[in-house]
Amino acid sequence: MFTICRPSVGQEAMYNGWKRQHKVKYQCVVLPNFLIGDWFGPAAGRAHDSQVLADSNLVARLQGMRGRLDVELCVYGDPAYPVHDVLLRAPKGRMTNAMEAYATLMSHYRESVEWVFGKMGELWPFVTDVRRKTTGSRSTSKEDCVAALLTNYHTCRYGGVANRYFDTLPPSMSEYRAMYHLHLDNRNMQ
């Protein structure tokens, strides 16, 4: 979520009551190697996380990927997300000791998404500069998307805090470019 200037039109949709600011939301899937594997948005700051998930079609895309690759895969998501066969979240309500231990362990992985947004803000200050974030006057969502892509390139070259924390290595720049171009080729064939 990035803070934006108060819009002159449609400010109710952008107002996030929880943060008490005007926001745009992004949904981001962070891979174990600290790369951004999926980026969706912007969505209105008022939108519920489960609505952003539904709009992104992430669950169906993950299910399709699992079928095409014939591998088990699952994403650990925000507690607001519903549980699916390819999407897990922390249990709600009363938990056993084992469930609490699982939720605590997995929360560390979920924090890595916040680390990515923090890294984006450090590398590309324009994504967090509220004065630049005005609706209708510039294409800040495209700037945010480019910042996400450039953050992946930076992670390939220099790594990141999550790579050290989770003891993982990002791909090389050439491996990443090859994966990215393969993804674009597959999208063009659909």
N, C-alpha and C. Protein backbone atom coordinates (compact mmCIF):
# COMPACT_ATOMS: atom_id res chain seq x y z
N MET A 1 0.84 -1.17 0.00
CA MET A 1 0.00 0.00 0.00
C MET A 1 0.89 1.24 0.00
N PHE A 2 0.58 2.16 -0.87
CA PHE A 2 1.31 3.42 -0.93
C PHE A 2 0.35 4.56 -0.64
N THR A 3 0.80 5.51 0.17
CA THR A 3 0.02 6.69 0.47
C THR A 3 0.01 7.61 -0.75
N ILE A 4 -1.15 8.21 -1.01
CA ILE A 4 -1.28 9.15 -2.13
C ILE A 4 -1.85 10.47 -1.60
N CYS A 5 -1.75 11.51 -2.42
CA CYS A 5 -2.40 12.78 -2.09
C CYS A 5 -3.91 12.58 -2.09
N ARG A 6 -4.59 13.38 -1.32
CA ARG A 6 -6.04 13.30 -1.30
C ARG A 6 -6.58 13.64 -2.69
N PRO A 7 -7.29 12.69 -3.31
CA PRO A 7 -7.81 12.95 -4.65
C PRO A 7 -8.93 13.99 -4.62
N SER A 8 -9.04 14.77 -5.69
CA SER A 8 -10.12 15.75 -5.77
C SER A 8 -11.42 15.07 -6.20
N VAL A 9 -11.32 13.93 -6.87
CA VAL A 9 -12.49 13.18 -7.31
C VAL A 9 -12.34 11.74 -6.82
N GLY A 10 -13.39 11.17 -6.28
CA GLY A 10 -13.37 9.77 -5.87
C GLY A 10 -12.53 9.48 -4.64
N GLN A 11 -12.41 10.47 -3.76
CA GLN A 11 -11.55 10.26 -2.60
C GLN A 11 -12.07 9.19 -1.64
N GLU A 12 -13.39 8.94 -1.64
CA GLU A 12 -13.95 7.93 -0.75
C GLU A 12 -13.39 6.55 -1.10
N ALA A 13 -13.23 6.27 -2.38
CA ALA A 13 -12.73 4.95 -2.81
C ALA A 13 -11.27 4.76 -2.43
N MET A 14 -10.52 5.84 -2.36
CA MET A 14 -9.09 5.72 -2.08
C MET A 14 -8.78 5.80 -0.58
N TYR A 15 -9.78 6.18 0.21
CA TYR A 15 -9.53 6.36 1.65
C TYR A 15 -9.52 5.00 2.33
N ASN A 16 -8.44 4.74 3.05
CA ASN A 16 -8.30 3.50 3.81
C ASN A 16 -8.57 3.82 5.27
N GLY A 17 -9.70 3.35 5.78
CA GLY A 17 -10.10 3.66 7.15
C GLY A 17 -9.16 3.08 8.19
N TRP A 18 -8.55 1.94 7.89
CA TRP A 18 -7.64 1.30 8.84
C TRP A 18 -6.39 2.15 9.03
N LYS A 19 -5.84 2.66 7.92
CA LYS A 19 -4.64 3.51 7.99
C LYS A 19 -4.98 4.99 8.14
N ARG A 20 -6.25 5.34 7.89
CA ARG A 20 -6.73 6.72 7.97
C ARG A 20 -5.97 7.66 7.03
N GLN A 21 -5.70 7.14 5.84
CA GLN A 21 -5.03 7.91 4.79
C GLN A 21 -5.59 7.46 3.45
N HIS A 22 -5.31 8.25 2.43
CA HIS A 22 -5.66 7.86 1.07
C HIS A 22 -4.53 6.98 0.54
N LYS A 23 -4.90 5.82 -0.01
CA LYS A 23 -3.91 4.81 -0.40
C LYS A 23 -4.26 4.19 -1.74
N VAL A 24 -3.24 3.61 -2.37
CA VAL A 24 -3.43 2.65 -3.45
C VAL A 24 -2.84 1.35 -2.94
N LYS A 25 -3.49 0.25 -3.31
CA LYS A 25 -3.05 -1.07 -2.84
C LYS A 25 -2.47 -1.86 -3.99
N TYR A 26 -1.49 -2.68 -3.65
CA TYR A 26 -0.92 -3.64 -4.58
C TYR A 26 -0.89 -5.00 -3.90
N GLN A 27 -1.09 -6.02 -4.68
CA GLN A 27 -0.93 -7.38 -4.19
C GLN A 27 0.38 -7.90 -4.76
N CYS A 28 1.21 -8.44 -3.91
CA CYS A 28 2.55 -8.84 -4.31
C CYS A 28 2.82 -10.24 -3.78
N VAL A 29 3.26 -11.14 -4.66
CA VAL A 29 3.71 -12.46 -4.24
C VAL A 29 5.22 -12.44 -4.25
N VAL A 30 5.81 -12.70 -3.09
CA VAL A 30 7.26 -12.71 -2.97
C VAL A 30 7.72 -14.17 -2.94
N LEU A 31 8.65 -14.49 -3.82
CA LEU A 31 9.18 -15.85 -3.91
C LEU A 31 10.23 -16.08 -2.83
N PRO A 32 10.56 -17.33 -2.53
CA PRO A 32 11.58 -17.60 -1.50
C PRO A 32 12.93 -16.96 -1.79
N ASN A 33 13.23 -16.68 -3.05
CA ASN A 33 14.50 -16.03 -3.38
C ASN A 33 14.41 -14.50 -3.34
N PHE A 34 13.31 -13.97 -2.78
CA PHE A 34 13.09 -12.54 -2.54
C PHE A 34 12.73 -11.78 -3.80
N LEU A 35 12.42 -12.47 -4.89
CA LEU A 35 11.95 -11.80 -6.09
C LEU A 35 10.44 -11.62 -6.03
N ILE A 36 9.97 -10.58 -6.68
CA ILE A 36 8.54 -10.36 -6.81
C ILE A 36 8.07 -11.28 -7.93
N GLY A 37 7.28 -12.28 -7.58
CA GLY A 37 6.81 -13.25 -8.55
C GLY A 37 5.51 -12.86 -9.21
N ASP A 38 4.74 -12.01 -8.55
CA ASP A 38 3.47 -11.55 -9.11
C ASP A 38 3.17 -10.18 -8.54
N TRP A 39 2.69 -9.30 -9.38
CA TRP A 39 2.40 -7.91 -8.99
C TRP A 39 1.05 -7.55 -9.57
N PHE A 40 0.11 -7.16 -8.72
CA PHE A 40 -1.22 -6.77 -9.20
C PHE A 40 -1.61 -5.45 -8.55
N GLY A 41 -2.15 -4.57 -9.35
CA GLY A 41 -2.65 -3.31 -8.84
C GLY A 41 -2.46 -2.22 -9.87
N PRO A 42 -2.82 -1.02 -9.55
CA PRO A 42 -3.29 -0.60 -8.23
C PRO A 42 -4.76 -0.90 -8.02
N ALA A 43 -5.11 -1.04 -6.77
CA ALA A 43 -6.50 -1.16 -6.36
C ALA A 43 -6.80 0.01 -5.42
N ALA A 44 -8.06 0.34 -5.31
CA ALA A 44 -8.46 1.44 -4.43
C ALA A 44 -8.06 1.12 -2.99
N GLY A 45 -7.64 2.13 -2.28
CA GLY A 45 -7.23 1.95 -0.89
C GLY A 45 -8.32 1.39 0.00
N ARG A 46 -9.56 1.61 -0.39
CA ARG A 46 -10.71 1.13 0.39
C ARG A 46 -10.98 -0.35 0.15
N ALA A 47 -10.48 -0.91 -0.94
CA ALA A 47 -10.78 -2.30 -1.31
C ALA A 47 -10.27 -3.27 -0.24
N HIS A 48 -11.09 -4.25 0.08
CA HIS A 48 -10.70 -5.29 1.03
C HIS A 48 -9.67 -6.20 0.36
N ASP A 49 -8.75 -6.71 1.15
CA ASP A 49 -7.70 -7.56 0.60
C ASP A 49 -8.27 -8.76 -0.16
N SER A 50 -9.36 -9.34 0.33
CA SER A 50 -9.95 -10.49 -0.37
C SER A 50 -10.53 -10.08 -1.72
N GLN A 51 -10.99 -8.83 -1.84
CA GLN A 51 -11.49 -8.34 -3.13
C GLN A 51 -10.33 -8.14 -4.11
N VAL A 52 -9.22 -7.62 -3.61
CA VAL A 52 -8.04 -7.45 -4.46
C VAL A 52 -7.57 -8.83 -4.94
N LEU A 53 -7.60 -9.82 -4.05
CA LEU A 53 -7.23 -11.18 -4.44
C LEU A 53 -8.15 -11.69 -5.55
N ALA A 54 -9.44 -11.50 -5.39
CA ALA A 54 -10.40 -11.96 -6.41
C ALA A 54 -10.17 -11.24 -7.73
N ASP A 55 -9.96 -9.93 -7.68
CA ASP A 55 -9.74 -9.15 -8.90
C ASP A 55 -8.46 -9.58 -9.63
N SER A 56 -7.46 -10.00 -8.88
CA SER A 56 -6.18 -10.38 -9.48
C SER A 56 -6.23 -11.74 -10.18
N ASN A 57 -7.23 -12.54 -9.85
CA ASN A 57 -7.36 -13.88 -10.44
C ASN A 57 -6.15 -14.75 -10.08
N LEU A 58 -5.49 -14.46 -8.97
CA LEU A 58 -4.28 -15.18 -8.58
C LEU A 58 -4.56 -16.65 -8.31
N VAL A 59 -5.64 -16.96 -7.61
CA VAL A 59 -5.93 -18.35 -7.26
C VAL A 59 -6.08 -19.20 -8.52
N ALA A 60 -6.85 -18.73 -9.48
CA ALA A 60 -7.04 -19.49 -10.72
C ALA A 60 -5.73 -19.62 -11.49
N ARG A 61 -4.93 -18.56 -11.50
CA ARG A 61 -3.64 -18.63 -12.21
C ARG A 61 -2.70 -19.61 -11.53
N LEU A 62 -2.69 -19.64 -10.19
CA LEU A 62 -1.85 -20.62 -9.48
C LEU A 62 -2.34 -22.04 -9.73
N GLN A 63 -3.65 -22.24 -9.73
CA GLN A 63 -4.20 -23.57 -10.00
C GLN A 63 -3.82 -24.02 -11.41
N GLY A 64 -3.90 -23.12 -12.38
CA GLY A 64 -3.51 -23.44 -13.74
C GLY A 64 -2.02 -23.76 -13.85
N MET A 65 -1.21 -23.00 -13.14
CA MET A 65 0.23 -23.24 -13.15
C MET A 65 0.56 -24.60 -12.54
N ARG A 66 -0.12 -24.91 -11.45
CA ARG A 66 0.10 -26.20 -10.80
C ARG A 66 -0.24 -27.34 -11.76
N GLY A 67 -1.33 -27.20 -12.49
CA GLY A 67 -1.72 -28.23 -13.45
C GLY A 67 -0.75 -28.35 -14.61
N ARG A 68 -0.30 -27.21 -15.16
CA ARG A 68 0.62 -27.24 -16.29
C ARG A 68 1.99 -27.80 -15.91
N LEU A 69 2.45 -27.44 -14.71
CA LEU A 69 3.78 -27.88 -14.28
C LEU A 69 3.76 -29.23 -13.59
N ASP A 70 2.57 -29.68 -13.21
CA ASP A 70 2.40 -30.94 -12.49
C ASP A 70 3.25 -30.98 -11.22
N VAL A 71 3.17 -29.89 -10.45
CA VAL A 71 3.88 -29.80 -9.17
C VAL A 71 2.92 -29.28 -8.12
N GLU A 72 3.20 -29.62 -6.88
CA GLU A 72 2.44 -29.05 -5.77
C GLU A 72 3.00 -27.67 -5.48
N LEU A 73 2.13 -26.70 -5.40
CA LEU A 73 2.58 -25.37 -5.00
C LEU A 73 1.49 -24.71 -4.19
N CYS A 74 1.95 -23.85 -3.30
CA CYS A 74 1.02 -23.15 -2.42
C CYS A 74 1.66 -21.83 -2.02
N VAL A 75 0.83 -20.82 -1.87
CA VAL A 75 1.27 -19.49 -1.45
C VAL A 75 0.70 -19.24 -0.07
N TYR A 76 1.52 -18.67 0.80
CA TYR A 76 1.05 -18.29 2.13
C TYR A 76 0.67 -16.83 2.08
N GLY A 77 -0.59 -16.52 2.43
CA GLY A 77 -1.09 -15.18 2.22
C GLY A 77 -1.51 -14.45 3.48
N ASP A 78 -2.04 -13.29 3.24
CA ASP A 78 -2.56 -12.40 4.27
C ASP A 78 -3.68 -13.10 5.04
N PRO A 79 -3.79 -12.85 6.35
CA PRO A 79 -4.87 -13.48 7.13
C PRO A 79 -6.27 -13.12 6.63
N ALA A 80 -6.40 -12.03 5.87
CA ALA A 80 -7.72 -11.64 5.35
C ALA A 80 -8.13 -12.50 4.16
N TYR A 81 -7.20 -13.22 3.56
CA TYR A 81 -7.51 -14.03 2.39
C TYR A 81 -8.27 -15.29 2.79
N PRO A 82 -9.16 -15.75 1.91
CA PRO A 82 -9.80 -17.05 2.17
C PRO A 82 -8.81 -18.18 1.87
N VAL A 83 -9.03 -19.34 2.48
CA VAL A 83 -8.16 -20.50 2.25
C VAL A 83 -8.59 -21.19 0.96
N HIS A 84 -7.62 -21.54 0.13
CA HIS A 84 -7.83 -22.30 -1.11
C HIS A 84 -6.81 -23.42 -1.14
N ASP A 85 -6.92 -24.29 -2.12
CA ASP A 85 -5.95 -25.37 -2.25
C ASP A 85 -4.56 -24.87 -2.61
N VAL A 86 -4.43 -23.67 -3.15
CA VAL A 86 -3.13 -23.09 -3.50
C VAL A 86 -2.80 -21.86 -2.66
N LEU A 87 -3.62 -21.59 -1.64
CA LEU A 87 -3.43 -20.39 -0.82
C LEU A 87 -3.75 -20.73 0.64
N LEU A 88 -2.74 -20.58 1.48
CA LEU A 88 -2.91 -20.81 2.91
C LEU A 88 -2.79 -19.50 3.66
N ARG A 89 -3.29 -19.48 4.88
CA ARG A 89 -3.15 -18.32 5.76
C ARG A 89 -3.14 -18.84 7.19
N ALA A 90 -2.85 -17.94 8.11
CA ALA A 90 -2.85 -18.33 9.52
C ALA A 90 -4.26 -18.73 9.94
N PRO A 91 -4.37 -19.76 10.78
CA PRO A 91 -5.71 -20.15 11.26
C PRO A 91 -6.34 -19.03 12.07
N LYS A 92 -7.66 -18.98 12.04
CA LYS A 92 -8.39 -17.99 12.84
C LYS A 92 -9.03 -18.68 14.04
N GLY A 93 -9.32 -17.88 15.06
CA GLY A 93 -9.98 -18.42 16.25
C GLY A 93 -9.01 -19.11 17.19
N ARG A 94 -9.55 -20.02 17.99
CA ARG A 94 -8.73 -20.75 18.96
C ARG A 94 -7.77 -21.68 18.22
N MET A 95 -6.52 -21.66 18.68
CA MET A 95 -5.51 -22.48 18.02
C MET A 95 -4.84 -23.40 19.02
N THR A 96 -4.48 -24.57 18.55
CA THR A 96 -3.68 -25.49 19.35
C THR A 96 -2.25 -24.94 19.40
N ASN A 97 -1.42 -25.52 20.25
CA ASN A 97 -0.02 -25.09 20.32
C ASN A 97 0.68 -25.28 18.98
N ALA A 98 0.38 -26.39 18.30
CA ALA A 98 1.00 -26.65 16.99
C ALA A 98 0.54 -25.60 15.97
N MET A 99 -0.72 -25.23 16.01
CA MET A 99 -1.22 -24.22 15.08
C MET A 99 -0.58 -22.86 15.35
N GLU A 100 -0.40 -22.52 16.63
CA GLU A 100 0.25 -21.25 16.98
C GLU A 100 1.70 -21.24 16.52
N ALA A 101 2.39 -22.36 16.69
CA ALA A 101 3.79 -22.46 16.25
C ALA A 101 3.87 -22.29 14.73
N TYR A 102 2.95 -22.91 14.01
CA TYR A 102 2.90 -22.80 12.55
C TYR A 102 2.65 -21.36 12.13
N ALA A 103 1.68 -20.71 12.78
CA ALA A 103 1.34 -19.32 12.44
C ALA A 103 2.53 -18.40 12.71
N THR A 104 3.24 -18.62 13.81
CA THR A 104 4.41 -17.80 14.14
C THR A 104 5.51 -18.00 13.12
N LEU A 105 5.79 -19.25 12.77
CA LEU A 105 6.82 -19.55 11.77
C LEU A 105 6.48 -18.90 10.43
N MET A 106 5.25 -19.08 9.99
CA MET A 106 4.86 -18.58 8.68
C MET A 106 4.76 -17.05 8.64
N SER A 107 4.51 -16.42 9.78
CA SER A 107 4.43 -14.95 9.78
C SER A 107 5.77 -14.34 9.39
N HIS A 108 6.87 -15.04 9.69
CA HIS A 108 8.19 -14.53 9.29
C HIS A 108 8.31 -14.51 7.76
N TYR A 109 7.75 -15.51 7.11
CA TYR A 109 7.78 -15.53 5.65
C TYR A 109 6.88 -14.44 5.07
N ARG A 110 5.74 -14.23 5.70
CA ARG A 110 4.82 -13.20 5.21
C ARG A 110 5.43 -11.81 5.36
N GLU A 111 6.27 -11.62 6.37
CA GLU A 111 6.93 -10.33 6.57
C GLU A 111 7.82 -9.97 5.39
N SER A 112 8.31 -10.97 4.66
CA SER A 112 9.21 -10.68 3.55
C SER A 112 8.53 -9.83 2.48
N VAL A 113 7.21 -9.89 2.39
CA VAL A 113 6.49 -9.02 1.46
C VAL A 113 6.69 -7.56 1.87
N GLU A 114 6.61 -7.30 3.17
CA GLU A 114 6.83 -5.93 3.66
C GLU A 114 8.27 -5.50 3.39
N TRP A 115 9.21 -6.45 3.49
CA TRP A 115 10.60 -6.11 3.22
C TRP A 115 10.77 -5.66 1.77
N VAL A 116 10.06 -6.31 0.85
CA VAL A 116 10.14 -5.94 -0.57
C VAL A 116 9.64 -4.51 -0.77
N PHE A 117 8.48 -4.18 -0.16
CA PHE A 117 7.96 -2.82 -0.29
C PHE A 117 8.93 -1.81 0.33
N GLY A 118 9.56 -2.19 1.46
CA GLY A 118 10.56 -1.31 2.07
C GLY A 118 11.76 -1.11 1.17
N LYS A 119 12.21 -2.20 0.53
CA LYS A 119 13.34 -2.10 -0.39
C LYS A 119 12.99 -1.20 -1.57
N MET A 120 11.77 -1.35 -2.09
CA MET A 120 11.34 -0.49 -3.20
C MET A 120 11.40 0.97 -2.80
N GLY A 121 10.91 1.28 -1.59
CA GLY A 121 10.92 2.66 -1.12
C GLY A 121 12.32 3.21 -0.94
N GLU A 122 13.26 2.36 -0.50
CA GLU A 122 14.65 2.80 -0.34
C GLU A 122 15.33 3.02 -1.69
N LEU A 123 15.12 2.08 -2.61
CA LEU A 123 15.77 2.18 -3.91
C LEU A 123 15.16 3.26 -4.80
N TRP A 124 13.85 3.37 -4.77
CA TRP A 124 13.12 4.26 -5.68
C TRP A 124 12.20 5.15 -4.85
N PRO A 125 12.73 6.21 -4.24
CA PRO A 125 11.95 7.05 -3.33
C PRO A 125 10.68 7.63 -3.94
N PHE A 126 10.59 7.71 -5.25
CA PHE A 126 9.38 8.26 -5.86
C PHE A 126 8.15 7.41 -5.57
N VAL A 127 8.31 6.11 -5.24
CA VAL A 127 7.12 5.30 -4.98
C VAL A 127 6.48 5.63 -3.63
N THR A 128 7.24 6.27 -2.74
CA THR A 128 6.69 6.63 -1.43
C THR A 128 6.55 8.14 -1.25
N ASP A 129 6.85 8.92 -2.28
CA ASP A 129 6.75 10.38 -2.20
C ASP A 129 5.30 10.80 -2.41
N VAL A 130 4.63 11.11 -1.33
CA VAL A 130 3.20 11.43 -1.36
C VAL A 130 2.92 12.61 -2.28
N ARG A 131 3.80 13.57 -2.33
CA ARG A 131 3.57 14.75 -3.18
C ARG A 131 3.49 14.38 -4.66
N ARG A 132 4.18 13.32 -5.06
CA ARG A 132 4.14 12.87 -6.46
C ARG A 132 2.94 11.96 -6.72
N LYS A 133 2.36 11.41 -5.69
CA LYS A 133 1.29 10.42 -5.84
C LYS A 133 -0.06 11.11 -5.89
N THR A 134 -0.39 11.62 -7.06
CA THR A 134 -1.69 12.24 -7.26
C THR A 134 -2.43 11.46 -8.34
N THR A 135 -3.71 11.26 -8.13
CA THR A 135 -4.49 10.53 -9.13
C THR A 135 -4.85 11.45 -10.28
N GLY A 136 -4.74 10.93 -11.48
CA GLY A 136 -5.15 11.66 -12.66
C GLY A 136 -4.10 12.55 -13.29
N SER A 137 -3.05 12.92 -12.57
CA SER A 137 -2.08 13.85 -13.15
C SER A 137 -0.85 13.15 -13.73
N ARG A 138 -0.56 11.95 -13.29
CA ARG A 138 0.58 11.20 -13.80
C ARG A 138 0.30 9.72 -13.64
N SER A 139 1.04 8.92 -14.31
CA SER A 139 0.82 7.48 -14.26
C SER A 139 1.68 6.84 -13.18
N THR A 140 1.35 7.12 -11.93
CA THR A 140 2.15 6.60 -10.82
C THR A 140 2.07 5.08 -10.74
N SER A 141 0.97 4.48 -11.20
CA SER A 141 0.88 3.01 -11.14
C SER A 141 1.91 2.38 -12.07
N LYS A 142 2.17 2.99 -13.22
CA LYS A 142 3.21 2.49 -14.12
C LYS A 142 4.58 2.66 -13.48
N GLU A 143 4.79 3.78 -12.82
CA GLU A 143 6.06 4.00 -12.12
C GLU A 143 6.25 2.93 -11.04
N ASP A 144 5.19 2.59 -10.31
CA ASP A 144 5.27 1.57 -9.27
C ASP A 144 5.60 0.21 -9.87
N CYS A 145 5.00 -0.10 -11.00
CA CYS A 145 5.26 -1.37 -11.68
C CYS A 145 6.70 -1.45 -12.16
N VAL A 146 7.21 -0.38 -12.73
CA VAL A 146 8.60 -0.34 -13.16
C VAL A 146 9.54 -0.47 -11.96
N ALA A 147 9.18 0.18 -10.86
CA ALA A 147 10.00 0.07 -9.64
C ALA A 147 10.04 -1.38 -9.15
N ALA A 148 8.92 -2.10 -9.26
CA ALA A 148 8.89 -3.51 -8.86
C ALA A 148 9.83 -4.34 -9.74
N LEU A 149 9.78 -4.10 -11.04
CA LEU A 149 10.66 -4.82 -11.97
C LEU A 149 12.13 -4.50 -11.70
N LEU A 150 12.43 -3.22 -11.51
CA LEU A 150 13.82 -2.83 -11.23
C LEU A 150 14.30 -3.37 -9.89
N THR A 151 13.39 -3.50 -8.94
CA THR A 151 13.74 -4.09 -7.65
C THR A 151 14.15 -5.55 -7.83
N ASN A 152 13.45 -6.26 -8.71
CA ASN A 152 13.86 -7.64 -9.01
C ASN A 152 15.27 -7.68 -9.60
N TYR A 153 15.56 -6.78 -10.53
CA TYR A 153 16.90 -6.73 -11.11
C TYR A 153 17.95 -6.43 -10.03
N HIS A 154 17.63 -5.50 -9.15
CA HIS A 154 18.55 -5.16 -8.06
C HIS A 154 18.77 -6.38 -7.15
N THR A 155 17.71 -7.12 -6.86
CA THR A 155 17.84 -8.31 -6.02
C THR A 155 18.70 -9.36 -6.71
N CYS A 156 18.54 -9.53 -8.01
CA CYS A 156 19.39 -10.48 -8.75
C CYS A 156 20.86 -10.10 -8.64
N ARG A 157 21.13 -8.83 -8.71
CA ARG A 157 22.52 -8.36 -8.70
C ARG A 157 23.14 -8.32 -7.31
N TYR A 158 22.35 -7.84 -6.32
CA TYR A 158 22.92 -7.59 -5.00
C TYR A 158 22.30 -8.43 -3.88
N GLY A 159 21.24 -9.16 -4.16
CA GLY A 159 20.56 -9.89 -3.10
C GLY A 159 19.73 -8.94 -2.25
N GLY A 160 19.30 -9.43 -1.13
CA GLY A 160 18.50 -8.61 -0.23
C GLY A 160 18.49 -9.20 1.16
N VAL A 161 17.85 -8.51 2.08
CA VAL A 161 17.82 -8.95 3.47
C VAL A 161 17.18 -10.33 3.60
N ALA A 162 16.15 -10.61 2.81
CA ALA A 162 15.49 -11.91 2.91
C ALA A 162 16.39 -13.02 2.41
N ASN A 163 17.24 -12.75 1.44
CA ASN A 163 18.17 -13.78 0.96
C ASN A 163 19.09 -14.21 2.08
N ARG A 164 19.56 -13.27 2.87
CA ARG A 164 20.41 -13.62 4.01
C ARG A 164 19.58 -14.27 5.12
N TYR A 165 18.41 -13.75 5.38
CA TYR A 165 17.55 -14.26 6.46
C TYR A 165 17.11 -15.69 6.18
N PHE A 166 16.69 -15.98 4.94
CA PHE A 166 16.18 -17.31 4.59
C PHE A 166 17.24 -18.19 3.93
N ASP A 167 18.47 -17.69 3.82
CA ASP A 167 19.58 -18.44 3.24
C ASP A 167 19.24 -18.94 1.83
N THR A 168 18.80 -18.03 0.98
CA THR A 168 18.47 -18.35 -0.41
C THR A 168 19.29 -17.46 -1.34
N LEU A 169 19.43 -17.90 -2.55
CA LEU A 169 20.13 -17.11 -3.55
C LEU A 169 19.16 -16.71 -4.66
N PRO A 170 19.22 -15.46 -5.09
CA PRO A 170 18.40 -15.07 -6.25
C PRO A 170 19.06 -15.59 -7.53
N PRO A 171 18.32 -15.63 -8.62
CA PRO A 171 18.94 -16.02 -9.89
C PRO A 171 19.90 -14.93 -10.36
N SER A 172 20.75 -15.30 -11.29
CA SER A 172 21.62 -14.28 -11.89
C SER A 172 20.76 -13.38 -12.78
N MET A 173 21.34 -12.27 -13.21
CA MET A 173 20.60 -11.35 -14.08
C MET A 173 20.19 -12.05 -15.37
N SER A 174 21.09 -12.82 -15.98
CA SER A 174 20.75 -13.49 -17.24
C SER A 174 19.68 -14.56 -17.02
N GLU A 175 19.73 -15.29 -15.90
CA GLU A 175 18.69 -16.28 -15.61
C GLU A 175 17.33 -15.59 -15.43
N TYR A 176 17.34 -14.45 -14.73
CA TYR A 176 16.09 -13.73 -14.52
C TYR A 176 15.52 -13.22 -15.84
N ARG A 177 16.36 -12.63 -16.67
CA ARG A 177 15.90 -12.14 -17.98
C ARG A 177 15.31 -13.28 -18.79
N ALA A 178 15.95 -14.46 -18.76
CA ALA A 178 15.44 -15.61 -19.51
C ALA A 178 14.07 -16.03 -18.97
N MET A 179 13.91 -16.03 -17.63
CA MET A 179 12.61 -16.39 -17.04
C MET A 179 11.54 -15.36 -17.41
N TYR A 180 11.92 -14.09 -17.37
CA TYR A 180 10.98 -13.02 -17.66
C TYR A 180 10.52 -13.09 -19.12
N HIS A 181 11.47 -13.31 -20.03
CA HIS A 181 11.10 -13.40 -21.45
C HIS A 181 10.27 -14.64 -21.73
N LEU A 182 10.56 -15.76 -21.05
CA LEU A 182 9.75 -16.96 -21.20
C LEU A 182 8.32 -16.68 -20.75
N HIS A 183 8.17 -15.95 -19.64
CA HIS A 183 6.84 -15.59 -19.13
C HIS A 183 6.10 -14.73 -20.15
N LEU A 184 6.79 -13.74 -20.72
CA LEU A 184 6.15 -12.87 -21.71
C LEU A 184 5.77 -13.66 -22.96
N ASP A 185 6.62 -14.58 -23.40
CA ASP A 185 6.29 -15.42 -24.56
C ASP A 185 5.06 -16.26 -24.29
N ASN A 186 4.96 -16.83 -23.09
CA ASN A 186 3.78 -17.64 -22.73
C ASN A 186 2.51 -16.80 -22.69
N ARG A 187 2.61 -15.56 -22.21
CA ARG A 187 1.43 -14.69 -22.16
C ARG A 187 0.97 -14.32 -23.56
N ASN A 188 1.90 -14.12 -24.47
CA ASN A 188 1.55 -13.76 -25.84
C ASN A 188 0.90 -14.92 -26.58
N MET A 189 1.19 -16.16 -26.18
CA MET A 189 0.61 -17.33 -26.84
C MET A 189 -0.81 -17.60 -26.37
N GLN A 190 -1.22 -17.04 -25.24
CA GLN A 190 -2.57 -17.32 -24.70
C GLN A 190 -3.61 -16.51 -25.39
